[in-house]
Amino acid sequence: MTIALKMLPVVAVFASALAVAQPGEPTAQRQQTLVRMVRQDCGSCHGMRLTGGLGPALTREALAERPLAALVATTLHGRPGTPMPGWHTMLSEADALWIAQQLQAGFPAESAGAK
């Protein structure tokens, strides 16, 4: 029991480190940056209205049946053998998840303060 009590501070520090390492939803300012990124960078291949171009459409209808995890993975790691790059150097997993959710909801998300 004494060992368990001595370990309690270590466990508390580890738990707080895990909380920091698990990012939540991007801030409102980051969301605005992500909206611009999707419109400009993604739009250059997927069409300015995300209805398709070099890359497939990223509309709500086109993505309705796609698993969210697959959209996140594609955003972060790209699609080998295609022009789709991975964006893991510029996006966190939380960013990619937020983008995927917005695309499935019908991007662009006006509620994100898109301009």
PDB file of N, CA and C in Angstrom:
ATOM      1  N   MET A   1       0.823  -1.186   0.000  1.00  0.00           N
ATOM      2  CA  MET A   1       0.000   0.000   0.000  1.00  0.00           C
ATOM      3  C   MET A   1       0.866   1.248   0.000  1.00  0.00           C
ATOM      4  N   THR A   2       1.991   1.212   0.683  1.00  0.00           N
ATOM      5  CA  THR A   2       2.886   2.358   0.730  1.00  0.00           C
ATOM      6  C   THR A   2       3.411   2.681  -0.661  1.00  0.00           C
ATOM      7  N   ILE A   3       3.749   1.662  -1.427  1.00  0.00           N
ATOM      8  CA  ILE A   3       4.240   1.872  -2.791  1.00  0.00           C
ATOM      9  C   ILE A   3       3.155   2.524  -3.642  1.00  0.00           C
ATOM     10  N   ALA A   4       1.936   2.062  -3.508  1.00  0.00           N
ATOM     11  CA  ALA A   4       0.832   2.637  -4.277  1.00  0.00           C
ATOM     12  C   ALA A   4       0.651   4.108  -3.950  1.00  0.00           C
ATOM     13  N   LEU A   5       0.759   4.483  -2.702  1.00  0.00           N
ATOM     14  CA  LEU A   5       0.621   5.892  -2.311  1.00  0.00           C
ATOM     15  C   LEU A   5       1.771   6.731  -2.841  1.00  0.00           C
ATOM     16  N   LYS A   6       2.962   6.155  -2.881  1.00  0.00           N
ATOM     17  CA  LYS A   6       4.118   6.886  -3.424  1.00  0.00           C
ATOM     18  C   LYS A   6       3.996   7.068  -4.934  1.00  0.00           C
ATOM     19  N   MET A   7       3.333   6.151  -5.599  1.00  0.00           N
ATOM     20  CA  MET A   7       3.170   6.219  -7.052  1.00  0.00           C
ATOM     21  C   MET A   7       2.072   7.191  -7.474  1.00  0.00           C
ATOM     22  N   LEU A   8       1.210   7.582  -6.562  1.00  0.00           N
ATOM     23  CA  LEU A   8       0.082   8.443  -6.889  1.00  0.00           C
ATOM     24  C   LEU A   8       0.498   9.735  -7.581  1.00  0.00           C
ATOM     25  N   PRO A   9       1.523  10.463  -7.094  1.00  0.00           N
ATOM     26  CA  PRO A   9       1.925  11.682  -7.809  1.00  0.00           C
ATOM     27  C   PRO A   9       2.419  11.388  -9.226  1.00  0.00           C
ATOM     28  N   VAL A  10       3.119  10.281  -9.413  1.00  0.00           N
ATOM     29  CA  VAL A  10       3.606   9.904 -10.745  1.00  0.00           C
ATOM     30  C   VAL A  10       2.427   9.637 -11.680  1.00  0.00           C
ATOM     31  N   VAL A  11       1.438   8.919 -11.189  1.00  0.00           N
ATOM     32  CA  VAL A  11       0.251   8.627 -11.987  1.00  0.00           C
ATOM     33  C   VAL A  11      -0.480   9.915 -12.339  1.00  0.00           C
ATOM     34  N   ALA A  12      -0.580  10.835 -11.397  1.00  0.00           N
ATOM     35  CA  ALA A  12      -1.256  12.110 -11.644  1.00  0.00           C
ATOM     36  C   ALA A  12      -0.533  12.913 -12.724  1.00  0.00           C
ATOM     37  N   VAL A  13       0.796  12.951 -12.662  1.00  0.00           N
ATOM     38  CA  VAL A  13       1.574  13.673 -13.680  1.00  0.00           C
ATOM     39  C   VAL A  13       1.387  13.012 -15.043  1.00  0.00           C
ATOM     40  N   PHE A  14       1.433  11.675 -15.086  1.00  0.00           N
ATOM     41  CA  PHE A  14       1.247  10.949 -16.337  1.00  0.00           C
ATOM     42  C   PHE A  14      -0.141  11.215 -16.912  1.00  0.00           C
ATOM     43  N   ALA A  15      -1.155  11.204 -16.076  1.00  0.00           N
ATOM     44  CA  ALA A  15      -2.523  11.458 -16.528  1.00  0.00           C
ATOM     45  C   ALA A  15      -2.662  12.868 -17.068  1.00  0.00           C
ATOM     46  N   SER A  16      -2.032  13.852 -16.432  1.00  0.00           N
ATOM     47  CA  SER A  16      -2.140  15.219 -16.943  1.00  0.00           C
ATOM     48  C   SER A  16      -1.374  15.360 -18.254  1.00  0.00           C
ATOM     49  N   ALA A  17      -0.278  14.635 -18.421  1.00  0.00           N
ATOM     50  CA  ALA A  17       0.462  14.663 -19.689  1.00  0.00           C
ATOM     51  C   ALA A  17      -0.383  14.065 -20.807  1.00  0.00           C
ATOM     52  N   LEU A  18      -1.113  13.010 -20.501  1.00  0.00           N
ATOM     53  CA  LEU A  18      -2.005  12.421 -21.500  1.00  0.00           C
ATOM     54  C   LEU A  18      -3.094  13.403 -21.902  1.00  0.00           C
ATOM     55  N   ALA A  19      -3.613  14.149 -20.963  1.00  0.00           N
ATOM     56  CA  ALA A  19      -4.663  15.118 -21.260  1.00  0.00           C
ATOM     57  C   ALA A  19      -4.147  16.183 -22.211  1.00  0.00           C
ATOM     58  N   VAL A  20      -2.894  16.588 -22.049  1.00  0.00           N
ATOM     59  CA  VAL A  20      -2.309  17.592 -22.932  1.00  0.00           C
ATOM     60  C   VAL A  20      -2.077  16.994 -24.314  1.00  0.00           C
ATOM     61  N   ALA A  21      -1.675  15.730 -24.382  1.00  0.00           N
ATOM     62  CA  ALA A  21      -1.344  15.092 -25.647  1.00  0.00           C
ATOM     63  C   ALA A  21      -2.581  14.753 -26.479  1.00  0.00           C
ATOM     64  N   GLN A  22      -3.760  14.801 -25.883  1.00  0.00           N
ATOM     65  CA  GLN A  22      -4.998  14.490 -26.593  1.00  0.00           C
ATOM     66  C   GLN A  22      -5.690  15.798 -26.979  1.00  0.00           C
ATOM     67  N   PRO A  23      -5.347  16.380 -28.127  1.00  0.00           N
ATOM     68  CA  PRO A  23      -5.916  17.676 -28.484  1.00  0.00           C
ATOM     69  C   PRO A  23      -7.407  17.577 -28.766  1.00  0.00           C
ATOM     70  N   GLY A  24      -8.121  18.642 -28.455  1.00  0.00           N
ATOM     71  CA  GLY A  24      -9.553  18.696 -28.721  1.00  0.00           C
ATOM     72  C   GLY A  24      -9.829  19.394 -30.028  1.00  0.00           C
ATOM     73  N   GLU A  25     -11.020  19.910 -30.130  1.00  0.00           N
ATOM     74  CA  GLU A  25     -11.420  20.629 -31.338  1.00  0.00           C
ATOM     75  C   GLU A  25     -10.537  21.863 -31.522  1.00  0.00           C
ATOM     76  N   PRO A  26     -10.175  22.180 -32.759  1.00  0.00           N
ATOM     77  CA  PRO A  26      -9.351  23.369 -32.997  1.00  0.00           C
ATOM     78  C   PRO A  26     -10.052  24.642 -32.504  1.00  0.00           C
ATOM     79  N   THR A  27      -9.256  25.608 -32.111  1.00  0.00           N
ATOM     80  CA  THR A  27      -9.798  26.886 -31.663  1.00  0.00           C
ATOM     81  C   THR A  27     -10.515  27.573 -32.819  1.00  0.00           C
ATOM     82  N   ALA A  28     -11.313  28.587 -32.509  1.00  0.00           N
ATOM     83  CA  ALA A  28     -12.042  29.327 -33.549  1.00  0.00           C
ATOM     84  C   ALA A  28     -11.073  29.939 -34.562  1.00  0.00           C
ATOM     85  N   GLN A  29      -9.958  30.452 -34.087  1.00  0.00           N
ATOM     86  CA  GLN A  29      -8.967  31.038 -34.992  1.00  0.00           C
ATOM     87  C   GLN A  29      -8.365  29.966 -35.902  1.00  0.00           C
ATOM     88  N   ARG A  30      -8.050  28.809 -35.343  1.00  0.00           N
ATOM     89  CA  ARG A  30      -7.500  27.710 -36.139  1.00  0.00           C
ATOM     90  C   ARG A  30      -8.533  27.218 -37.147  1.00  0.00           C
ATOM     91  N   GLN A  31      -9.809  27.177 -36.749  1.00  0.00           N
ATOM     92  CA  GLN A  31     -10.870  26.769 -37.661  1.00  0.00           C
ATOM     93  C   GLN A  31     -10.929  27.693 -38.872  1.00  0.00           C
ATOM     94  N   GLN A  32     -10.770  28.992 -38.661  1.00  0.00           N
ATOM     95  CA  GLN A  32     -10.765  29.938 -39.785  1.00  0.00           C
ATOM     96  C   GLN A  32      -9.596  29.643 -40.725  1.00  0.00           C
ATOM     97  N   THR A  33      -8.438  29.332 -40.136  1.00  0.00           N
ATOM     98  CA  THR A  33      -7.267  28.974 -40.943  1.00  0.00           C
ATOM     99  C   THR A  33      -7.535  27.703 -41.739  1.00  0.00           C
ATOM    100  N   LEU A  34      -8.171  26.721 -41.101  1.00  0.00           N
ATOM    101  CA  LEU A  34      -8.470  25.458 -41.778  1.00  0.00           C
ATOM    102  C   LEU A  34      -9.480  25.660 -42.905  1.00  0.00           C
ATOM    103  N   VAL A  35     -10.464  26.519 -42.700  1.00  0.00           N
ATOM    104  CA  VAL A  35     -11.439  26.815 -43.760  1.00  0.00           C
ATOM    105  C   VAL A  35     -10.717  27.406 -44.967  1.00  0.00           C
ATOM    106  N   ARG A  36      -9.827  28.368 -44.729  1.00  0.00           N
ATOM    107  CA  ARG A  36      -9.065  28.963 -45.849  1.00  0.00           C
ATOM    108  C   ARG A  36      -8.203  27.909 -46.530  1.00  0.00           C
ATOM    109  N   MET A  37      -7.590  27.044 -45.734  1.00  0.00           N
ATOM    110  CA  MET A  37      -6.730  26.001 -46.296  1.00  0.00           C
ATOM    111  C   MET A  37      -7.528  25.064 -47.193  1.00  0.00           C
ATOM    112  N   VAL A  38      -8.688  24.629 -46.719  1.00  0.00           N
ATOM    113  CA  VAL A  38      -9.515  23.730 -47.524  1.00  0.00           C
ATOM    114  C   VAL A  38      -9.950  24.438 -48.810  1.00  0.00           C
ATOM    115  N   ARG A  39     -10.405  25.664 -48.685  1.00  0.00           N
ATOM    116  CA  ARG A  39     -10.864  26.389 -49.875  1.00  0.00           C
ATOM    117  C   ARG A  39      -9.757  26.606 -50.888  1.00  0.00           C
ATOM    118  N   GLN A  40      -8.562  26.945 -50.419  1.00  0.00           N
ATOM    119  CA  GLN A  40      -7.479  27.257 -51.340  1.00  0.00           C
ATOM    120  C   GLN A  40      -6.671  26.032 -51.736  1.00  0.00           C
ATOM    121  N   ASP A  41      -6.137  25.324 -50.745  1.00  0.00           N
ATOM    122  CA  ASP A  41      -5.240  24.206 -51.056  1.00  0.00           C
ATOM    123  C   ASP A  41      -5.994  22.991 -51.574  1.00  0.00           C
ATOM    124  N   CYS A  42      -7.031  22.580 -50.862  1.00  0.00           N
ATOM    125  CA  CYS A  42      -7.812  21.428 -51.318  1.00  0.00           C
ATOM    126  C   CYS A  42      -8.577  21.787 -52.589  1.00  0.00           C
ATOM    127  N   GLY A  43      -9.095  23.019 -52.609  1.00  0.00           N
ATOM    128  CA  GLY A  43      -9.862  23.480 -53.766  1.00  0.00           C
ATOM    129  C   GLY A  43      -9.066  23.504 -55.053  1.00  0.00           C
ATOM    130  N   SER A  44      -7.745  23.627 -54.962  1.00  0.00           N
ATOM    131  CA  SER A  44      -6.943  23.662 -56.186  1.00  0.00           C
ATOM    132  C   SER A  44      -7.012  22.339 -56.950  1.00  0.00           C
ATOM    133  N   CYS A  45      -7.267  21.233 -56.269  1.00  0.00           N
ATOM    134  CA  CYS A  45      -7.415  19.936 -56.938  1.00  0.00           C
ATOM    135  C   CYS A  45      -8.854  19.424 -56.937  1.00  0.00           C
ATOM    136  N   HIS A  46      -9.581  19.706 -55.880  1.00  0.00           N
ATOM    137  CA  HIS A  46     -10.943  19.183 -55.736  1.00  0.00           C
ATOM    138  C   HIS A  46     -11.997  20.165 -56.250  1.00  0.00           C
ATOM    139  N   GLY A  47     -11.549  21.250 -56.852  1.00  0.00           N
ATOM    140  CA  GLY A  47     -12.465  22.258 -57.374  1.00  0.00           C
ATOM    141  C   GLY A  47     -12.743  23.324 -56.321  1.00  0.00           C
ATOM    142  N   MET A  48     -12.859  24.550 -56.765  1.00  0.00           N
ATOM    143  CA  MET A  48     -13.041  25.662 -55.829  1.00  0.00           C
ATOM    144  C   MET A  48     -14.325  25.526 -55.015  1.00  0.00           C
ATOM    145  N   ARG A  49     -15.295  24.804 -55.546  1.00  0.00           N
ATOM    146  CA  ARG A  49     -16.527  24.532 -54.795  1.00  0.00           C
ATOM    147  C   ARG A  49     -16.542  23.112 -54.250  1.00  0.00           C
ATOM    148  N   LEU A  50     -15.376  22.468 -54.332  1.00  0.00           N
ATOM    149  CA  LEU A  50     -15.178  21.099 -53.848  1.00  0.00           C
ATOM    150  C   LEU A  50     -16.088  20.089 -54.546  1.00  0.00           C
ATOM    151  N   THR A  51     -16.475  20.410 -55.773  1.00  0.00           N
ATOM    152  CA  THR A  51     -17.356  19.526 -56.539  1.00  0.00           C
ATOM    153  C   THR A  51     -16.579  18.603 -57.481  1.00  0.00           C
ATOM    154  N   GLY A  52     -15.268  18.619 -57.362  1.00  0.00           N
ATOM    155  CA  GLY A  52     -14.437  17.723 -58.166  1.00  0.00           C
ATOM    156  C   GLY A  52     -13.599  18.473 -59.169  1.00  0.00           C
ATOM    157  N   GLY A  53     -12.516  17.879 -59.541  1.00  0.00           N
ATOM    158  CA  GLY A  53     -11.572  18.431 -60.508  1.00  0.00           C
ATOM    159  C   GLY A  53     -10.554  17.344 -60.753  1.00  0.00           C
ATOM    160  N   LEU A  54      -9.289  17.638 -60.512  1.00  0.00           N
ATOM    161  CA  LEU A  54      -8.260  16.606 -60.573  1.00  0.00           C
ATOM    162  C   LEU A  54      -8.576  15.525 -59.536  1.00  0.00           C
ATOM    163  N   GLY A  55      -9.042  15.962 -58.373  1.00  0.00           N
ATOM    164  CA  GLY A  55      -9.453  15.039 -57.312  1.00  0.00           C
ATOM    165  C   GLY A  55     -10.968  14.910 -57.295  1.00  0.00           C
ATOM    166  N   PRO A  56     -11.486  13.913 -56.593  1.00  0.00           N
ATOM    167  CA  PRO A  56     -12.933  13.703 -56.549  1.00  0.00           C
ATOM    168  C   PRO A  56     -13.650  14.799 -55.754  1.00  0.00           C
ATOM    169  N   ALA A  57     -14.953  14.838 -55.892  1.00  0.00           N
ATOM    170  CA  ALA A  57     -15.779  15.794 -55.148  1.00  0.00           C
ATOM    171  C   ALA A  57     -15.662  15.538 -53.652  1.00  0.00           C
ATOM    172  N   LEU A  58     -15.684  16.622 -52.898  1.00  0.00           N
ATOM    173  CA  LEU A  58     -15.661  16.537 -51.443  1.00  0.00           C
ATOM    174  C   LEU A  58     -16.954  17.105 -50.862  1.00  0.00           C
ATOM    175  N   THR A  59     -18.030  16.896 -51.576  1.00  0.00           N
ATOM    176  CA  THR A  59     -19.326  17.400 -51.132  1.00  0.00           C
ATOM    177  C   THR A  59     -19.927  16.473 -50.077  1.00  0.00           C
ATOM    178  N   ARG A  60     -20.927  16.983 -49.388  1.00  0.00           N
ATOM    179  CA  ARG A  60     -21.636  16.185 -48.372  1.00  0.00           C
ATOM    180  C   ARG A  60     -22.151  14.896 -48.997  1.00  0.00           C
ATOM    181  N   GLU A  61     -22.735  14.987 -50.177  1.00  0.00           N
ATOM    182  CA  GLU A  61     -23.305  13.814 -50.847  1.00  0.00           C
ATOM    183  C   GLU A  61     -22.225  12.796 -51.211  1.00  0.00           C
ATOM    184  N   ALA A  62     -21.098  13.287 -51.717  1.00  0.00           N
ATOM    185  CA  ALA A  62     -20.026  12.387 -52.134  1.00  0.00           C
ATOM    186  C   ALA A  62     -19.366  11.670 -50.946  1.00  0.00           C
ATOM    187  N   LEU A  63     -19.404  12.310 -49.784  1.00  0.00           N
ATOM    188  CA  LEU A  63     -18.713  11.755 -48.616  1.00  0.00           C
ATOM    189  C   LEU A  63     -19.649  11.124 -47.599  1.00  0.00           C
ATOM    190  N   ALA A  64     -20.938  11.115 -47.878  1.00  0.00           N
ATOM    191  CA  ALA A  64     -21.938  10.661 -46.909  1.00  0.00           C
ATOM    192  C   ALA A  64     -21.674   9.241 -46.406  1.00  0.00           C
ATOM    193  N   GLU A  65     -21.254   8.350 -47.260  1.00  0.00           N
ATOM    194  CA  GLU A  65     -21.065   6.937 -46.877  1.00  0.00           C
ATOM    195  C   GLU A  65     -19.628   6.611 -46.475  1.00  0.00           C
ATOM    196  N   ARG A  66     -18.755   7.598 -46.538  1.00  0.00           N
ATOM    197  CA  ARG A  66     -17.346   7.347 -46.202  1.00  0.00           C
ATOM    198  C   ARG A  66     -17.148   7.378 -44.689  1.00  0.00           C
ATOM    199  N   PRO A  67     -16.434   6.412 -44.145  1.00  0.00           N
ATOM    200  CA  PRO A  67     -16.154   6.437 -42.705  1.00  0.00           C
ATOM    201  C   PRO A  67     -15.279   7.649 -42.359  1.00  0.00           C
ATOM    202  N   LEU A  68     -15.596   8.295 -41.264  1.00  0.00           N
ATOM    203  CA  LEU A  68     -14.853   9.467 -40.820  1.00  0.00           C
ATOM    204  C   LEU A  68     -13.365   9.153 -40.660  1.00  0.00           C
ATOM    205  N   ALA A  69     -13.063   7.998 -40.105  1.00  0.00           N
ATOM    206  CA  ALA A  69     -11.661   7.607 -39.906  1.00  0.00           C
ATOM    207  C   ALA A  69     -10.908   7.508 -41.235  1.00  0.00           C
ATOM    208  N   ALA A  70     -11.578   7.069 -42.280  1.00  0.00           N
ATOM    209  CA  ALA A  70     -10.938   6.972 -43.599  1.00  0.00           C
ATOM    210  C   ALA A  70     -10.642   8.361 -44.160  1.00  0.00           C
ATOM    211  N   LEU A  71     -11.559   9.296 -43.945  1.00  0.00           N
ATOM    212  CA  LEU A  71     -11.332  10.663 -44.406  1.00  0.00           C
ATOM    213  C   LEU A  71     -10.157  11.297 -43.669  1.00  0.00           C
ATOM    214  N   VAL A  72     -10.081  11.071 -42.375  1.00  0.00           N
ATOM    215  CA  VAL A  72      -8.971  11.597 -41.582  1.00  0.00           C
ATOM    216  C   VAL A  72      -7.654  10.994 -42.063  1.00  0.00           C
ATOM    217  N   ALA A  73      -7.625   9.687 -42.257  1.00  0.00           N
ATOM    218  CA  ALA A  73      -6.403   9.012 -42.706  1.00  0.00           C
ATOM    219  C   ALA A  73      -5.962   9.518 -44.076  1.00  0.00           C
ATOM    220  N   THR A  74      -6.901   9.696 -44.986  1.00  0.00           N
ATOM    221  CA  THR A  74      -6.562  10.205 -46.317  1.00  0.00           C
ATOM    222  C   THR A  74      -6.021  11.620 -46.225  1.00  0.00           C
ATOM    223  N   THR A  75      -6.640  12.444 -45.398  1.00  0.00           N
ATOM    224  CA  THR A  75      -6.179  13.821 -45.237  1.00  0.00           C
ATOM    225  C   THR A  75      -4.760  13.853 -44.685  1.00  0.00           C
ATOM    226  N   LEU A  76      -4.489  13.054 -43.702  1.00  0.00           N
ATOM    227  CA  LEU A  76      -3.169  13.077 -43.064  1.00  0.00           C
ATOM    228  C   LEU A  76      -2.090  12.374 -43.867  1.00  0.00           C
ATOM    229  N   HIS A  77      -2.435  11.262 -44.532  1.00  0.00           N
ATOM    230  CA  HIS A  77      -1.408  10.424 -45.154  1.00  0.00           C
ATOM    231  C   HIS A  77      -1.478  10.365 -46.679  1.00  0.00           C
ATOM    232  N   GLY A  78      -2.483  10.987 -47.267  1.00  0.00           N
ATOM    233  CA  GLY A  78      -2.596  10.996 -48.714  1.00  0.00           C
ATOM    234  C   GLY A  78      -3.085   9.673 -49.270  1.00  0.00           C
ATOM    235  N   ARG A  79      -2.987   9.555 -50.591  1.00  0.00           N
ATOM    236  CA  ARG A  79      -3.371   8.325 -51.277  1.00  0.00           C
ATOM    237  C   ARG A  79      -2.232   7.942 -52.216  1.00  0.00           C
ATOM    238  N   PRO A  80      -1.461   6.922 -51.852  1.00  0.00           N
ATOM    239  CA  PRO A  80      -0.337   6.502 -52.693  1.00  0.00           C
ATOM    240  C   PRO A  80      -0.801   6.184 -54.119  1.00  0.00           C
ATOM    241  N   GLY A  81       0.019   6.581 -55.074  1.00  0.00           N
ATOM    242  CA  GLY A  81      -0.292   6.325 -56.476  1.00  0.00           C
ATOM    243  C   GLY A  81      -1.222   7.354 -57.083  1.00  0.00           C
ATOM    244  N   THR A  82      -1.580   8.371 -56.316  1.00  0.00           N
ATOM    245  CA  THR A  82      -2.430   9.462 -56.816  1.00  0.00           C
ATOM    246  C   THR A  82      -1.753  10.789 -56.480  1.00  0.00           C
ATOM    247  N   PRO A  83      -2.248  11.884 -57.025  1.00  0.00           N
ATOM    248  CA  PRO A  83      -1.672  13.187 -56.672  1.00  0.00           C
ATOM    249  C   PRO A  83      -2.016  13.658 -55.251  1.00  0.00           C
ATOM    250  N   MET A  84      -2.873  12.914 -54.523  1.00  0.00           N
ATOM    251  CA  MET A  84      -3.293  13.339 -53.188  1.00  0.00           C
ATOM    252  C   MET A  84      -2.139  13.218 -52.191  1.00  0.00           C
ATOM    253  N   PRO A  85      -1.624  14.380 -51.714  1.00  0.00           N
ATOM    254  CA  PRO A  85      -0.539  14.334 -50.734  1.00  0.00           C
ATOM    255  C   PRO A  85      -1.075  14.142 -49.326  1.00  0.00           C
ATOM    256  N   GLY A  86      -0.198  13.736 -48.450  1.00  0.00           N
ATOM    257  CA  GLY A  86      -0.540  13.706 -47.027  1.00  0.00           C
ATOM    258  C   GLY A  86      -0.265  15.077 -46.431  1.00  0.00           C
ATOM    259  N   TRP A  87      -1.109  15.515 -45.535  1.00  0.00           N
ATOM    260  CA  TRP A  87      -0.977  16.842 -44.931  1.00  0.00           C
ATOM    261  C   TRP A  87      -0.536  16.750 -43.479  1.00  0.00           C
ATOM    262  N   HIS A  88       0.023  15.605 -43.066  1.00  0.00           N
ATOM    263  CA  HIS A  88       0.386  15.405 -41.665  1.00  0.00           C
ATOM    264  C   HIS A  88       1.424  16.398 -41.147  1.00  0.00           C
ATOM    265  N   THR A  89       2.192  17.008 -42.027  1.00  0.00           N
ATOM    266  CA  THR A  89       3.182  17.991 -41.566  1.00  0.00           C
ATOM    267  C   THR A  89       2.545  19.340 -41.249  1.00  0.00           C
ATOM    268  N   MET A  90       1.345  19.571 -41.759  1.00  0.00           N
ATOM    269  CA  MET A  90       0.676  20.855 -41.547  1.00  0.00           C
ATOM    270  C   MET A  90      -0.571  20.752 -40.677  1.00  0.00           C
ATOM    271  N   LEU A  91      -1.075  19.540 -40.503  1.00  0.00           N
ATOM    272  CA  LEU A  91      -2.319  19.342 -39.764  1.00  0.00           C
ATOM    273  C   LEU A  91      -2.132  18.347 -38.628  1.00  0.00           C
ATOM    274  N   SER A  92      -2.791  18.625 -37.530  1.00  0.00           N
ATOM    275  CA  SER A  92      -2.834  17.648 -36.444  1.00  0.00           C
ATOM    276  C   SER A  92      -3.982  16.683 -36.733  1.00  0.00           C
ATOM    277  N   GLU A  93      -4.057  15.618 -35.965  1.00  0.00           N
ATOM    278  CA  GLU A  93      -5.169  14.692 -36.121  1.00  0.00           C
ATOM    279  C   GLU A  93      -6.493  15.389 -35.806  1.00  0.00           C
ATOM    280  N   ALA A  94      -6.478  16.279 -34.806  1.00  0.00           N
ATOM    281  CA  ALA A  94      -7.688  17.036 -34.455  1.00  0.00           C
ATOM    282  C   ALA A  94      -8.110  17.945 -35.608  1.00  0.00           C
ATOM    283  N   ASP A  95      -7.135  18.562 -36.291  1.00  0.00           N
ATOM    284  CA  ASP A  95      -7.442  19.397 -37.461  1.00  0.00           C
ATOM    285  C   ASP A  95      -8.096  18.563 -38.554  1.00  0.00           C
ATOM    286  N   ALA A  96      -7.486  17.412 -38.843  1.00  0.00           N
ATOM    287  CA  ALA A  96      -7.996  16.547 -39.908  1.00  0.00           C
ATOM    288  C   ALA A  96      -9.396  16.028 -39.570  1.00  0.00           C
ATOM    289  N   LEU A  97      -9.620  15.699 -38.315  1.00  0.00           N
ATOM    290  CA  LEU A  97     -10.941  15.243 -37.888  1.00  0.00           C
ATOM    291  C   LEU A  97     -11.964  16.364 -38.056  1.00  0.00           C
ATOM    292  N   TRP A  98     -11.617  17.564 -37.657  1.00  0.00           N
ATOM    293  CA  TRP A  98     -12.531  18.706 -37.777  1.00  0.00           C
ATOM    294  C   TRP A  98     -12.867  18.953 -39.257  1.00  0.00           C
ATOM    295  N   ILE A  99     -11.849  18.922 -40.121  1.00  0.00           N
ATOM    296  CA  ILE A  99     -12.077  19.119 -41.559  1.00  0.00           C
ATOM    297  C   ILE A  99     -13.013  18.036 -42.094  1.00  0.00           C
ATOM    298  N   ALA A 100     -12.747  16.783 -41.756  1.00  0.00           N
ATOM    299  CA  ALA A 100     -13.588  15.676 -42.231  1.00  0.00           C
ATOM    300  C   ALA A 100     -15.028  15.847 -41.771  1.00  0.00           C
ATOM    301  N   GLN A 101     -15.216  16.248 -40.524  1.00  0.00           N
ATOM    302  CA  GLN A 101     -16.574  16.472 -40.011  1.00  0.00           C
ATOM    303  C   GLN A 101     -17.261  17.605 -40.766  1.00  0.00           C
ATOM    304  N   GLN A 102     -16.527  18.669 -41.055  1.00  0.00           N
ATOM    305  CA  GLN A 102     -17.106  19.797 -41.788  1.00  0.00           C
ATOM    306  C   GLN A 102     -17.460  19.397 -43.223  1.00  0.00           C
ATOM    307  N   LEU A 103     -16.600  18.605 -43.848  1.00  0.00           N
ATOM    308  CA  LEU A 103     -16.889  18.143 -45.210  1.00  0.00           C
ATOM    309  C   LEU A 103     -18.147  17.285 -45.222  1.00  0.00           C
ATOM    310  N   GLN A 104     -18.283  16.391 -44.259  1.00  0.00           N
ATOM    311  CA  GLN A 104     -19.472  15.542 -44.214  1.00  0.00           C
ATOM    312  C   GLN A 104     -20.735  16.337 -43.876  1.00  0.00           C
ATOM    313  N   ALA A 105     -20.562  17.470 -43.214  1.00  0.00           N
ATOM    314  CA  ALA A 105     -21.715  18.309 -42.865  1.00  0.00           C
ATOM    315  C   ALA A 105     -22.074  19.286 -43.981  1.00  0.00           C
ATOM    316  N   GLY A 106     -21.214  19.401 -44.995  1.00  0.00           N
ATOM    317  CA  GLY A 106     -21.487  20.293 -46.107  1.00  0.00           C
ATOM    318  C   GLY A 106     -20.600  21.522 -46.105  1.00  0.00           C
ATOM    319  N   PHE A 107     -19.325  21.327 -46.212  1.00  0.00           N
ATOM    320  CA  PHE A 107     -18.334  22.403 -46.249  1.00  0.00           C
ATOM    321  C   PHE A 107     -18.641  23.325 -47.415  1.00  0.00           C
ATOM    322  N   PRO A 108     -18.425  24.602 -47.371  1.00  0.00           N
ATOM    323  CA  PRO A 108     -17.760  25.334 -46.289  1.00  0.00           C
ATOM    324  C   PRO A 108     -18.683  25.595 -45.117  1.00  0.00           C
ATOM    325  N   ALA A 109     -18.090  25.535 -43.952  1.00  0.00           N
ATOM    326  CA  ALA A 109     -18.852  25.716 -42.715  1.00  0.00           C
ATOM    327  C   ALA A 109     -18.935  27.198 -42.382  1.00  0.00           C
ATOM    328  N   GLU A 110     -20.057  27.779 -42.630  1.00  0.00           N
ATOM    329  CA  GLU A 110     -20.235  29.187 -42.330  1.00  0.00           C
ATOM    330  C   GLU A 110     -20.133  29.436 -40.831  1.00  0.00           C
ATOM    331  N   SER A 111     -20.493  28.442 -40.023  1.00  0.00           N
ATOM    332  CA  SER A 111     -20.420  28.607 -38.575  1.00  0.00           C
ATOM    333  C   SER A 111     -18.995  28.715 -38.081  1.00  0.00           C
ATOM    334  N   ALA A 112     -18.027  28.359 -38.916  1.00  0.00           N
ATOM    335  CA  ALA A 112     -16.627  28.434 -38.513  1.00  0.00           C
ATOM    336  C   ALA A 112     -16.050  29.817 -38.777  1.00  0.00           C
ATOM    337  N   GLY A 113     -16.880  30.761 -39.127  1.00  0.00           N
ATOM    338  CA  GLY A 113     -16.407  32.105 -39.384  1.00  0.00           C
ATOM    339  C   GLY A 113     -15.700  32.197 -40.717  1.00  0.00           C
ATOM    340  N   ALA A 114     -16.085  31.390 -41.665  1.00  0.00           N
ATOM    341  CA  ALA A 114     -15.464  31.393 -42.985  1.00  0.00           C
ATOM    342  C   ALA A 114     -15.662  32.728 -43.655  1.00  0.00           C
ATOM    343  N   LYS A 115     -14.607  33.168 -44.335  1.00  0.00           N
ATOM    344  CA  LYS A 115     -14.653  34.451 -45.058  1.00  0.00           C
ATOM    345  C   LYS A 115     -14.282  34.230 -46.488  1.00  0.00           C
TER     346      LYS A 115
END
